[in-house]
């Protein structure tokens, strides 16, 4: 993959608990940015969507990002933000060549 293929600027967010509110004792939770990186977003084809429907009908895109210290922190509990679109990360596939060059994120688009 060429660097010019990474045309989409995305932000990866992770859910985090920040302890308790000192006044109410309620748990403080929220989303924190892990990284903002360049990515290639590939919508699933109709064929892929139909094949996946038997197993999981919500996969809507594959997102490829460069491997880095920041992207190594991505888990299936993270969100990926691109413009107004939010994707849930359903799975992470390592670089098919066996190196630590790229990660492919299997994502489902959330309704905003």
PDB file of N, CA and C in Angstrom:
ATOM      1  N   UNK A   1       0.845  -1.174   0.000  1.00  0.00           N
ATOM      2  CA  UNK A   1       0.000   0.000   0.000  1.00  0.00           C
ATOM      3  C   UNK A   1       0.889   1.234   0.000  1.00  0.00           C
ATOM      4  N   UNK A   2       0.482   2.214  -0.757  1.00  0.00           N
ATOM      5  CA  UNK A   2       1.227   3.468  -0.828  1.00  0.00           C
ATOM      6  C   UNK A   2       0.655   4.463   0.184  1.00  0.00           C
ATOM      7  N   UNK A   3       1.510   5.350   0.626  1.00  0.00           N
ATOM      8  CA  UNK A   3       1.069   6.373   1.584  1.00  0.00           C
ATOM      9  C   UNK A   3      -0.068   7.210   1.009  1.00  0.00           C
ATOM     10  N   UNK A   4      -0.072   7.410  -0.314  1.00  0.00           N
ATOM     11  CA  UNK A   4      -1.124   8.233  -0.923  1.00  0.00           C
ATOM     12  C   UNK A   4      -2.487   7.548  -0.877  1.00  0.00           C
ATOM     13  N   UNK A   5      -2.533   6.243  -0.563  1.00  0.00           N
ATOM     14  CA  UNK A   5      -3.810   5.542  -0.412  1.00  0.00           C
ATOM     15  C   UNK A   5      -4.510   5.920   0.894  1.00  0.00           C
ATOM     16  N   UNK A   6      -3.758   6.433   1.851  1.00  0.00           N
ATOM     17  CA  UNK A   6      -4.314   6.812   3.152  1.00  0.00           C
ATOM     18  C   UNK A   6      -4.841   8.241   3.053  1.00  0.00           C
ATOM     19  N   UNK A   7      -6.085   8.373   2.585  1.00  0.00           N
ATOM     20  CA  UNK A   7      -6.662   9.683   2.253  1.00  0.00           C
ATOM     21  C   UNK A   7      -7.616  10.232   3.306  1.00  0.00           C
ATOM     22  N   UNK A   8      -7.981   9.421   4.271  1.00  0.00           N
ATOM     23  CA  UNK A   8      -8.995   9.816   5.244  1.00  0.00           C
ATOM     24  C   UNK A   8      -8.355  10.082   6.601  1.00  0.00           C
ATOM     25  N   UNK A   9      -8.662  11.230   7.178  1.00  0.00           N
ATOM     26  CA  UNK A   9      -8.148  11.569   8.509  1.00  0.00           C
ATOM     27  C   UNK A   9      -9.152  11.045   9.528  1.00  0.00           C
ATOM     28  N   UNK A  10      -8.714  10.160  10.413  1.00  0.00           N
ATOM     29  CA  UNK A  10      -9.613   9.554  11.392  1.00  0.00           C
ATOM     30  C   UNK A  10      -9.053   9.725  12.799  1.00  0.00           C
ATOM     31  N   UNK A  11      -9.956   9.724  13.762  1.00  0.00           N
ATOM     32  CA  UNK A  11      -9.569   9.785  15.171  1.00  0.00           C
ATOM     33  C   UNK A  11     -10.036   8.505  15.842  1.00  0.00           C
ATOM     34  N   UNK A  12      -9.149   7.896  16.600  1.00  0.00           N
ATOM     35  CA  UNK A  12      -9.468   6.693  17.366  1.00  0.00           C
ATOM     36  C   UNK A  12      -9.747   7.123  18.800  1.00  0.00           C
ATOM     37  N   UNK A  13     -10.879   6.667  19.347  1.00  0.00           N
ATOM     38  CA  UNK A  13     -11.244   6.996  20.727  1.00  0.00           C
ATOM     39  C   UNK A  13     -11.424   5.723  21.542  1.00  0.00           C
ATOM     40  N   UNK A  14     -11.035   5.809  22.810  1.00  0.00           N
ATOM     41  CA  UNK A  14     -11.155   4.679  23.729  1.00  0.00           C
ATOM     42  C   UNK A  14     -12.009   5.108  24.922  1.00  0.00           C
ATOM     43  N   UNK A  15     -12.865   4.204  25.375  1.00  0.00           N
ATOM     44  CA  UNK A  15     -13.701   4.476  26.546  1.00  0.00           C
ATOM     45  C   UNK A  15     -12.826   4.401  27.790  1.00  0.00           C
ATOM     46  N   UNK A  16     -13.043   5.345  28.696  1.00  0.00           N
ATOM     47  CA  UNK A  16     -12.196   5.408  29.885  1.00  0.00           C
ATOM     48  C   UNK A  16     -13.022   5.815  31.092  1.00  0.00           C
ATOM     49  N   UNK A  17     -12.758   5.161  32.207  1.00  0.00           N
ATOM     50  CA  UNK A  17     -13.354   5.564  33.482  1.00  0.00           C
ATOM     51  C   UNK A  17     -12.355   6.462  34.185  1.00  0.00           C
ATOM     52  N   UNK A  18     -12.822   7.595  34.655  1.00  0.00           N
ATOM     53  CA  UNK A  18     -11.937   8.570  35.295  1.00  0.00           C
ATOM     54  C   UNK A  18     -12.099   8.610  36.809  1.00  0.00           C
ATOM     55  N   UNK A  19     -12.603   7.543  37.392  1.00  0.00           N
ATOM     56  CA  UNK A  19     -12.778   7.554  38.842  1.00  0.00           C
ATOM     57  C   UNK A  19     -14.177   7.994  39.226  1.00  0.00           C
ATOM     58  N   UNK A  20     -14.288   8.636  40.386  1.00  0.00           N
ATOM     59  CA  UNK A  20     -15.584   9.042  40.905  1.00  0.00           C
ATOM     60  C   UNK A  20     -15.651  10.548  41.090  1.00  0.00           C
ATOM     61  N   UNK A  21     -16.872  11.058  40.900  1.00  0.00           N
ATOM     62  CA  UNK A  21     -17.136  12.465  41.170  1.00  0.00           C
ATOM     63  C   UNK A  21     -17.026  12.658  42.682  1.00  0.00           C
ATOM     64  N   UNK A  22     -16.197  13.614  43.149  1.00  0.00           N
ATOM     65  CA  UNK A  22     -16.007  13.787  44.595  1.00  0.00           C
ATOM     66  C   UNK A  22     -17.270  14.219  45.332  1.00  0.00           C
ATOM     67  N   UNK A  23     -18.193  14.875  44.639  1.00  0.00           N
ATOM     68  CA  UNK A  23     -19.402  15.353  45.307  1.00  0.00           C
ATOM     69  C   UNK A  23     -20.506  14.312  45.330  1.00  0.00           C
ATOM     70  N   UNK A  24     -20.718  13.628  44.194  1.00  0.00           N
ATOM     71  CA  UNK A  24     -21.847  12.701  44.100  1.00  0.00           C
ATOM     72  C   UNK A  24     -21.445  11.239  44.244  1.00  0.00           C
ATOM     73  N   UNK A  25     -20.180  10.938  44.019  1.00  0.00           N
ATOM     74  CA  UNK A  25     -19.733   9.546  44.066  1.00  0.00           C
ATOM     75  C   UNK A  25     -20.020   8.780  42.788  1.00  0.00           C
ATOM     76  N   UNK A  26     -20.645   9.459  41.809  1.00  0.00           N
ATOM     77  CA  UNK A  26     -20.936   8.807  40.532  1.00  0.00           C
ATOM     78  C   UNK A  26     -19.642   8.520  39.780  1.00  0.00           C
ATOM     79  N   UNK A  27     -19.649   7.423  39.014  1.00  0.00           N
ATOM     80  CA  UNK A  27     -18.495   7.108  38.180  1.00  0.00           C
ATOM     81  C   UNK A  27     -18.399   8.111  37.036  1.00  0.00           C
ATOM     82  N   UNK A  28     -17.212   8.596  36.790  1.00  0.00           N
ATOM     83  CA  UNK A  28     -16.975   9.501  35.674  1.00  0.00           C
ATOM     84  C   UNK A  28     -16.444   8.674  34.514  1.00  0.00           C
ATOM     85  N   UNK A  29     -17.158   8.710  33.412  1.00  0.00           N
ATOM     86  CA  UNK A  29     -16.760   7.945  32.244  1.00  0.00           C
ATOM     87  C   UNK A  29     -16.823   8.828  31.015  1.00  0.00           C
ATOM     88  N   UNK A  30     -16.055   8.453  30.013  1.00  0.00           N
ATOM     89  CA  UNK A  30     -16.087   9.209  28.773  1.00  0.00           C
ATOM     90  C   UNK A  30     -15.159   8.600  27.741  1.00  0.00           C
ATOM     91  N   UNK A  31     -15.093   9.248  26.595  1.00  0.00           N
ATOM     92  CA  UNK A  31     -14.243   8.807  25.495  1.00  0.00           C
ATOM     93  C   UNK A  31     -13.051   9.738  25.396  1.00  0.00           C
ATOM     94  N   UNK A  32     -11.871   9.155  25.271  1.00  0.00           N
ATOM     95  CA  UNK A  32     -10.651   9.947  25.118  1.00  0.00           C
ATOM     96  C   UNK A  32      -9.993   9.588  23.790  1.00  0.00           C
ATOM     97  N   UNK A  33      -9.380  10.585  23.159  1.00  0.00           N
ATOM     98  CA  UNK A  33      -8.692  10.357  21.894  1.00  0.00           C
ATOM     99  C   UNK A  33      -7.398   9.592  22.141  1.00  0.00           C
ATOM    100  N   UNK A  34      -7.198   8.527  21.371  1.00  0.00           N
ATOM    101  CA  UNK A  34      -5.974   7.733  21.430  1.00  0.00           C
ATOM    102  C   UNK A  34      -5.000   8.228  20.373  1.00  0.00           C
ATOM    103  N   UNK A  35      -5.534   8.480  19.159  1.00  0.00           N
ATOM    104  CA  UNK A  35      -4.681   8.909  18.051  1.00  0.00           C
ATOM    105  C   UNK A  35      -5.530   9.509  16.949  1.00  0.00           C
ATOM    106  N   UNK A  36      -4.926  10.400  16.186  1.00  0.00           N
ATOM    107  CA  UNK A  36      -5.509  10.901  14.945  1.00  0.00           C
ATOM    108  C   UNK A  36      -4.509  10.560  13.855  1.00  0.00           C
ATOM    109  N   UNK A  37      -4.968   9.746  12.895  1.00  0.00           N
ATOM    110  CA  UNK A  37      -4.062   9.198  11.886  1.00  0.00           C
ATOM    111  C   UNK A  37      -4.716   9.231  10.507  1.00  0.00           C
ATOM    112  N   UNK A  38      -3.888   9.037   9.488  1.00  0.00           N
ATOM    113  CA  UNK A  38      -4.390   8.893   8.123  1.00  0.00           C
ATOM    114  C   UNK A  38      -4.794   7.441   7.915  1.00  0.00           C
ATOM    115  N   UNK A  39      -5.883   7.225   7.174  1.00  0.00           N
ATOM    116  CA  UNK A  39      -6.411   5.878   6.975  1.00  0.00           C
ATOM    117  C   UNK A  39      -6.996   5.737   5.578  1.00  0.00           C
ATOM    118  N   UNK A  40      -7.231   4.510   5.216  1.00  0.00           N
ATOM    119  CA  UNK A  40      -7.954   4.192   3.985  1.00  0.00           C
ATOM    120  C   UNK A  40      -9.235   3.495   4.418  1.00  0.00           C
ATOM    121  N   UNK A  41     -10.378   4.105   4.105  1.00  0.00           N
ATOM    122  CA  UNK A  41     -11.673   3.523   4.451  1.00  0.00           C
ATOM    123  C   UNK A  41     -12.229   2.852   3.203  1.00  0.00           C
ATOM    124  N   UNK A  42     -12.490   1.550   3.313  1.00  0.00           N
ATOM    125  CA  UNK A  42     -13.007   0.777   2.188  1.00  0.00           C
ATOM    126  C   UNK A  42     -14.385   0.244   2.576  1.00  0.00           C
ATOM    127  N   UNK A  43     -15.457   0.822   2.001  1.00  0.00           N
ATOM    128  CA  UNK A  43     -16.788   0.300   2.309  1.00  0.00           C
ATOM    129  C   UNK A  43     -16.892  -1.155   1.855  1.00  0.00           C
ATOM    130  N   UNK A  44     -17.638  -1.955   2.600  1.00  0.00           N
ATOM    131  CA  UNK A  44     -17.835  -3.349   2.210  1.00  0.00           C
ATOM    132  C   UNK A  44     -18.652  -3.395   0.931  1.00  0.00           C
ATOM    133  N   UNK A  45     -18.303  -4.309   0.054  1.00  0.00           N
ATOM    134  CA  UNK A  45     -19.062  -4.475  -1.183  1.00  0.00           C
ATOM    135  C   UNK A  45     -20.384  -5.160  -0.865  1.00  0.00           C
ATOM    136  N   UNK A  46     -21.318  -5.136  -1.796  1.00  0.00           N
ATOM    137  CA  UNK A  46     -22.604  -5.799  -1.598  1.00  0.00           C
ATOM    138  C   UNK A  46     -22.377  -7.292  -1.373  1.00  0.00           C
ATOM    139  N   UNK A  47     -21.462  -7.870  -2.128  1.00  0.00           N
ATOM    140  CA  UNK A  47     -21.178  -9.296  -1.980  1.00  0.00           C
ATOM    141  C   UNK A  47     -20.640  -9.607  -0.588  1.00  0.00           C
ATOM    142  N   UNK A  48     -19.673  -8.818  -0.130  1.00  0.00           N
ATOM    143  CA  UNK A  48     -19.133  -9.030   1.215  1.00  0.00           C
ATOM    144  C   UNK A  48     -20.232  -8.877   2.255  1.00  0.00           C
ATOM    145  N   UNK A  49     -21.104  -7.870   2.033  1.00  0.00           N
ATOM    146  CA  UNK A  49     -22.172  -7.622   2.991  1.00  0.00           C
ATOM    147  C   UNK A  49     -23.115  -8.817   3.060  1.00  0.00           C
ATOM    148  N   UNK A  50     -23.496  -9.369   1.896  1.00  0.00           N
ATOM    149  CA  UNK A  50     -24.408 -10.509   1.873  1.00  0.00           C
ATOM    150  C   UNK A  50     -23.763 -11.748   2.478  1.00  0.00           C
ATOM    151  N   UNK A  51     -22.481 -11.967   2.201  1.00  0.00           N
ATOM    152  CA  UNK A  51     -21.791 -13.108   2.790  1.00  0.00           C
ATOM    153  C   UNK A  51     -21.682 -12.949   4.299  1.00  0.00           C
ATOM    154  N   UNK A  52     -21.436 -11.747   4.740  1.00  0.00           N
ATOM    155  CA  UNK A  52     -21.288 -11.500   6.171  1.00  0.00           C
ATOM    156  C   UNK A  52     -22.626 -11.538   6.899  1.00  0.00           C
ATOM    157  N   UNK A  53     -23.727 -11.349   6.157  1.00  0.00           N
ATOM    158  CA  UNK A  53     -25.045 -11.287   6.787  1.00  0.00           C
ATOM    159  C   UNK A  53     -25.362 -12.562   7.554  1.00  0.00           C
ATOM    160  N   UNK A  54     -24.864 -13.692   7.065  1.00  0.00           N
ATOM    161  CA  UNK A  54     -25.126 -14.948   7.755  1.00  0.00           C
ATOM    162  C   UNK A  54     -24.463 -14.968   9.129  1.00  0.00           C
ATOM    163  N   UNK A  55     -23.345 -14.296   9.242  1.00  0.00           N
ATOM    164  CA  UNK A  55     -22.597 -14.301  10.494  1.00  0.00           C
ATOM    165  C   UNK A  55     -22.839 -13.027  11.285  1.00  0.00           C
ATOM    166  N   UNK A  56     -22.681 -11.908  10.607  1.00  0.00           N
ATOM    167  CA  UNK A  56     -22.792 -10.628  11.302  1.00  0.00           C
ATOM    168  C   UNK A  56     -23.221  -9.581  10.286  1.00  0.00           C
ATOM    169  N   UNK A  57     -24.422  -9.046  10.444  1.00  0.00           N
ATOM    170  CA  UNK A  57     -24.971  -8.174   9.421  1.00  0.00           C
ATOM    171  C   UNK A  57     -24.596  -6.710   9.597  1.00  0.00           C
ATOM    172  N   UNK A  58     -23.664  -6.389  10.468  1.00  0.00           N
ATOM    173  CA  UNK A  58     -23.389  -4.987  10.711  1.00  0.00           C
ATOM    174  C   UNK A  58     -22.029  -4.514  10.212  1.00  0.00           C
ATOM    175  N   UNK A  59     -21.227  -5.390   9.629  1.00  0.00           N
ATOM    176  CA  UNK A  59     -19.924  -4.972   9.131  1.00  0.00           C
ATOM    177  C   UNK A  59     -20.147  -4.071   7.921  1.00  0.00           C
ATOM    178  N   UNK A  60     -19.612  -2.858   7.962  1.00  0.00           N
ATOM    179  CA  UNK A  60     -19.862  -1.925   6.867  1.00  0.00           C
ATOM    180  C   UNK A  60     -18.603  -1.362   6.232  1.00  0.00           C
ATOM    181  N   UNK A  61     -17.434  -1.592   6.838  1.00  0.00           N
ATOM    182  CA  UNK A  61     -16.211  -1.044   6.244  1.00  0.00           C
ATOM    183  C   UNK A  61     -14.981  -1.732   6.811  1.00  0.00           C
ATOM    184  N   UNK A  62     -13.928  -1.660   6.008  1.00  0.00           N
ATOM    185  CA  UNK A  62     -12.600  -2.032   6.478  1.00  0.00           C
ATOM    186  C   UNK A  62     -11.777  -0.761   6.453  1.00  0.00           C
ATOM    187  N   UNK A  63     -11.038  -0.510   7.509  1.00  0.00           N
ATOM    188  CA  UNK A  63     -10.228   0.701   7.616  1.00  0.00           C
ATOM    189  C   UNK A  63      -8.783   0.275   7.833  1.00  0.00           C
ATOM    190  N   UNK A  64      -7.903   0.763   6.966  1.00  0.00           N
ATOM    191  CA  UNK A  64      -6.486   0.416   7.055  1.00  0.00           C
ATOM    192  C   UNK A  64      -5.724   1.614   7.609  1.00  0.00           C
ATOM    193  N   UNK A  65      -4.918   1.377   8.645  1.00  0.00           N
ATOM    194  CA  UNK A  65      -4.084   2.425   9.249  1.00  0.00           C
ATOM    195  C   UNK A  65      -2.655   1.907   9.355  1.00  0.00           C
ATOM    196  N   UNK A  66      -1.710   2.829   9.391  1.00  0.00           N
ATOM    197  CA  UNK A  66      -0.317   2.436   9.616  1.00  0.00           C
ATOM    198  C   UNK A  66      -0.150   1.965  11.058  1.00  0.00           C
ATOM    199  N   UNK A  67       0.678   0.960  11.241  1.00  0.00           N
ATOM    200  CA  UNK A  67       0.996   0.487  12.584  1.00  0.00           C
ATOM    201  C   UNK A  67       1.926   1.504  13.252  1.00  0.00           C
ATOM    202  N   UNK A  68       1.639   1.836  14.498  1.00  0.00           N
ATOM    203  CA  UNK A  68       2.484   2.746  15.281  1.00  0.00           C
ATOM    204  C   UNK A  68       2.247   2.445  16.761  1.00  0.00           C
ATOM    205  N   UNK A  69       2.981   3.127  17.626  1.00  0.00           N
ATOM    206  CA  UNK A  69       2.742   2.967  19.067  1.00  0.00           C
ATOM    207  C   UNK A  69       1.308   3.334  19.412  1.00  0.00           C
ATOM    208  N   UNK A  70       0.815   4.395  18.782  1.00  0.00           N
ATOM    209  CA  UNK A  70      -0.550   4.851  19.062  1.00  0.00           C
ATOM    210  C   UNK A  70      -1.587   3.857  18.539  1.00  0.00           C
ATOM    211  N   UNK A  71      -1.426   3.386  17.292  1.00  0.00           N
ATOM    212  CA  UNK A  71      -2.425   2.470  16.740  1.00  0.00           C
ATOM    213  C   UNK A  71      -2.327   1.076  17.358  1.00  0.00           C
ATOM    214  N   UNK A  72      -1.207   0.747  17.975  1.00  0.00           N
ATOM    215  CA  UNK A  72      -1.074  -0.539  18.666  1.00  0.00           C
ATOM    216  C   UNK A  72      -2.010  -0.605  19.874  1.00  0.00           C
ATOM    217  N   UNK A  73      -2.517   0.537  20.338  1.00  0.00           N
ATOM    218  CA  UNK A  73      -3.431   0.594  21.484  1.00  0.00           C
ATOM    219  C   UNK A  73      -4.885   0.348  21.094  1.00  0.00           C
ATOM    220  N   UNK A  74      -5.162   0.234  19.787  1.00  0.00           N
ATOM    221  CA  UNK A  74      -6.537   0.051  19.325  1.00  0.00           C
ATOM    222  C   UNK A  74      -7.039  -1.325  19.747  1.00  0.00           C
ATOM    223  N   UNK A  75      -8.263  -1.342  20.283  1.00  0.00           N
ATOM    224  CA  UNK A  75      -8.929  -2.592  20.659  1.00  0.00           C
ATOM    225  C   UNK A  75     -10.339  -2.578  20.070  1.00  0.00           C
ATOM    226  N   UNK A  76     -11.026  -3.720  20.090  1.00  0.00           N
ATOM    227  CA  UNK A  76     -12.411  -3.732  19.611  1.00  0.00           C
ATOM    228  C   UNK A  76     -13.362  -2.882  20.459  1.00  0.00           C
ATOM    229  N   UNK A  77     -12.902  -2.340  21.568  1.00  0.00           N
ATOM    230  CA  UNK A  77     -13.731  -1.452  22.390  1.00  0.00           C
ATOM    231  C   UNK A  77     -13.592   0.005  21.987  1.00  0.00           C
ATOM    232  N   UNK A  78     -12.787   0.279  20.985  1.00  0.00           N
ATOM    233  CA  UNK A  78     -12.547   1.659  20.542  1.00  0.00           C
ATOM    234  C   UNK A  78     -13.564   2.081  19.488  1.00  0.00           C
ATOM    235  N   UNK A  79     -13.651   3.382  19.292  1.00  0.00           N
ATOM    236  CA  UNK A  79     -14.449   3.964  18.212  1.00  0.00           C
ATOM    237  C   UNK A  79     -13.512   4.628  17.221  1.00  0.00           C
ATOM    238  N   UNK A  80     -13.950   4.713  15.974  1.00  0.00           N
ATOM    239  CA  UNK A  80     -13.208   5.406  14.933  1.00  0.00           C
ATOM    240  C   UNK A  80     -14.117   6.517  14.408  1.00  0.00           C
ATOM    241  N   UNK A  81     -13.618   7.742  14.389  1.00  0.00           N
ATOM    242  CA  UNK A  81     -14.400   8.900  13.951  1.00  0.00           C
ATOM    243  C   UNK A  81     -13.811   9.422  12.646  1.00  0.00           C
ATOM    244  N   UNK A  82     -14.680   9.567  11.632  1.00  0.00           N
ATOM    245  CA  UNK A  82     -14.273  10.172  10.361  1.00  0.00           C
ATOM    246  C   UNK A  82     -15.339  11.190   9.978  1.00  0.00           C
ATOM    247  N   UNK A  83     -15.011  12.466  10.094  1.00  0.00           N
ATOM    248  CA  UNK A  83     -15.995  13.513   9.817  1.00  0.00           C
ATOM    249  C   UNK A  83     -17.176  13.365  10.756  1.00  0.00           C
ATOM    250  N   UNK A  84     -18.374  13.236  10.183  1.00  0.00           N
ATOM    251  CA  UNK A  84     -19.586  13.062  10.983  1.00  0.00           C
ATOM    252  C   UNK A  84     -19.910  11.587  11.239  1.00  0.00           C
ATOM    253  N   UNK A  85     -19.108  10.683  10.678  1.00  0.00           N
ATOM    254  CA  UNK A  85     -19.370   9.249  10.802  1.00  0.00           C
ATOM    255  C   UNK A  85     -18.614   8.647  11.985  1.00  0.00           C
ATOM    256  N   UNK A  86     -19.297   7.769  12.700  1.00  0.00           N
ATOM    257  CA  UNK A  86     -18.694   7.046  13.813  1.00  0.00           C
ATOM    258  C   UNK A  86     -18.786   5.559  13.516  1.00  0.00           C
ATOM    259  N   UNK A  87     -17.661   4.868  13.686  1.00  0.00           N
ATOM    260  CA  UNK A  87     -17.595   3.430  13.451  1.00  0.00           C
ATOM    261  C   UNK A  87     -17.208   2.719  14.742  1.00  0.00           C
ATOM    262  N   UNK A  88     -17.864   1.596  15.004  1.00  0.00           N
ATOM    263  CA  UNK A  88     -17.445   0.714  16.090  1.00  0.00           C
ATOM    264  C   UNK A  88     -16.426  -0.258  15.509  1.00  0.00           C
ATOM    265  N   UNK A  89     -15.330  -0.461  16.188  1.00  0.00           N
ATOM    266  CA  UNK A  89     -14.314  -1.402  15.716  1.00  0.00           C
ATOM    267  C   UNK A  89     -14.711  -2.790  16.212  1.00  0.00           C
ATOM    268  N   UNK A  90     -14.982  -3.686  15.275  1.00  0.00           N
ATOM    269  CA  UNK A  90     -15.439  -5.039  15.604  1.00  0.00           C
ATOM    270  C   UNK A  90     -14.300  -6.044  15.666  1.00  0.00           C
ATOM    271  N   UNK A  91     -13.211  -5.752  14.967  1.00  0.00           N
ATOM    272  CA  UNK A  91     -12.081  -6.665  14.963  1.00  0.00           C
ATOM    273  C   UNK A  91     -10.858  -6.008  14.357  1.00  0.00           C
ATOM    274  N   UNK A  92      -9.697  -6.577  14.652  1.00  0.00           N
ATOM    275  CA  UNK A  92      -8.428  -6.030  14.166  1.00  0.00           C
ATOM    276  C   UNK A  92      -7.657  -7.156  13.500  1.00  0.00           C
ATOM    277  N   UNK A  93      -7.280  -6.932  12.243  1.00  0.00           N
ATOM    278  CA  UNK A  93      -6.498  -7.929  11.514  1.00  0.00           C
ATOM    279  C   UNK A  93      -5.081  -7.399  11.344  1.00  0.00           C
ATOM    280  N   UNK A  94      -4.079  -8.221  11.637  1.00  0.00           N
ATOM    281  CA  UNK A  94      -2.695  -7.774  11.479  1.00  0.00           C
ATOM    282  C   UNK A  94      -2.315  -7.649  10.012  1.00  0.00           C
ATOM    283  N   UNK A  95      -1.183  -7.049   9.763  1.00  0.00           N
ATOM    284  CA  UNK A  95      -0.640  -6.894   8.420  1.00  0.00           C
ATOM    285  C   UNK A  95      -0.559  -8.266   7.752  1.00  0.00           C
ATOM    286  N   UNK A  96      -1.145  -8.425   6.557  1.00  0.00           N
ATOM    287  CA  UNK A  96      -1.130  -9.737   5.907  1.00  0.00           C
ATOM    288  C   UNK A  96       0.269 -10.222   5.541  1.00  0.00           C
ATOM    289  N   UNK A  97       1.227  -9.313   5.461  1.00  0.00           N
ATOM    290  CA  UNK A  97       2.595  -9.705   5.136  1.00  0.00           C
ATOM    291  C   UNK A  97       3.385 -10.105   6.377  1.00  0.00           C
ATOM    292  N   UNK A  98       2.734 -10.094   7.539  1.00  0.00           N
ATOM    293  CA  UNK A  98       3.381 -10.538   8.760  1.00  0.00           C
ATOM    294  C   UNK A  98       4.192  -9.482   9.480  1.00  0.00           C
ATOM    295  N   UNK A  99       4.338  -8.330   8.883  1.00  0.00           N
ATOM    296  CA  UNK A  99       5.101  -7.270   9.530  1.00  0.00           C
ATOM    297  C   UNK A  99       4.213  -6.369  10.347  1.00  0.00           C
ATOM    298  N   UNK A 100       4.799  -5.374  10.918  1.00  0.00           N
ATOM    299  CA  UNK A 100       4.036  -4.381  11.680  1.00  0.00           C
ATOM    300  C   UNK A 100       4.002  -3.099  10.872  1.00  0.00           C
ATOM    301  N   UNK A 101       3.390  -3.190   9.706  1.00  0.00           N
ATOM    302  CA  UNK A 101       3.311  -2.033   8.829  1.00  0.00           C
ATOM    303  C   UNK A 101       1.920  -1.416   8.852  1.00  0.00           C
ATOM    304  N   UNK A 102       0.888  -2.256   8.719  1.00  0.00           N
ATOM    305  CA  UNK A 102      -0.490  -1.788   8.671  1.00  0.00           C
ATOM    306  C   UNK A 102      -1.370  -2.645   9.568  1.00  0.00           C
ATOM    307  N   UNK A 103      -2.486  -2.059  10.011  1.00  0.00           N
ATOM    308  CA  UNK A 103      -3.548  -2.790  10.696  1.00  0.00           C
ATOM    309  C   UNK A 103      -4.817  -2.593   9.885  1.00  0.00           C
ATOM    310  N   UNK A 104      -5.617  -3.634   9.759  1.00  0.00           N
ATOM    311  CA  UNK A 104      -6.919  -3.516   9.114  1.00  0.00           C
ATOM    312  C   UNK A 104      -7.975  -3.648  10.198  1.00  0.00           C
ATOM    313  N   UNK A 105      -8.811  -2.633  10.305  1.00  0.00           N
ATOM    314  CA  UNK A 105      -9.866  -2.594  11.316  1.00  0.00           C
ATOM    315  C   UNK A 105     -11.189  -2.938  10.645  1.00  0.00           C
ATOM    316  N   UNK A 106     -11.874  -3.940  11.138  1.00  0.00           N
ATOM    317  CA  UNK A 106     -13.185  -4.314  10.623  1.00  0.00           C
ATOM    318  C   UNK A 106     -14.202  -3.540  11.450  1.00  0.00           C
ATOM    319  N   UNK A 107     -15.000  -2.713  10.766  1.00  0.00           N
ATOM    320  CA  UNK A 107     -15.840  -1.740  11.480  1.00  0.00           C
ATOM    321  C   UNK A 107     -17.307  -1.824  11.087  1.00  0.00           C
ATOM    322  N   UNK A 108     -18.145  -1.344  11.984  1.00  0.00           N
ATOM    323  CA  UNK A 108     -19.574  -1.190  11.742  1.00  0.00           C
ATOM    324  C   UNK A 108     -19.923   0.275  11.967  1.00  0.00           C
ATOM    325  N   UNK A 109     -20.596   0.869  11.000  1.00  0.00           N
ATOM    326  CA  UNK A 109     -20.979   2.276  11.108  1.00  0.00           C
ATOM    327  C   UNK A 109     -22.141   2.409  12.083  1.00  0.00           C
ATOM    328  N   UNK A 110     -22.009   3.341  13.019  1.00  0.00           N
ATOM    329  CA  UNK A 110     -23.062   3.600  14.002  1.00  0.00           C
ATOM    330  C   UNK A 110     -24.029   4.635  13.449  1.00  0.00           C
ATOM    331  N   UNK A 111     -25.272   4.521  13.857  1.00  0.00           N
ATOM    332  CA  UNK A 111     -26.243   5.567  13.540  1.00  0.00           C
ATOM    333  C   UNK A 111     -25.983   6.729  14.471  1.00  0.00           C
ATOM    334  N   UNK A 112     -25.818   7.924  13.894  1.00  0.00           N
ATOM    335  CA  UNK A 112     -25.535   9.110  14.728  1.00  0.00           C
ATOM    336  C   UNK A 112     -26.802   9.730  15.228  1.00  0.00           C
TER     337      UNK A 112
END
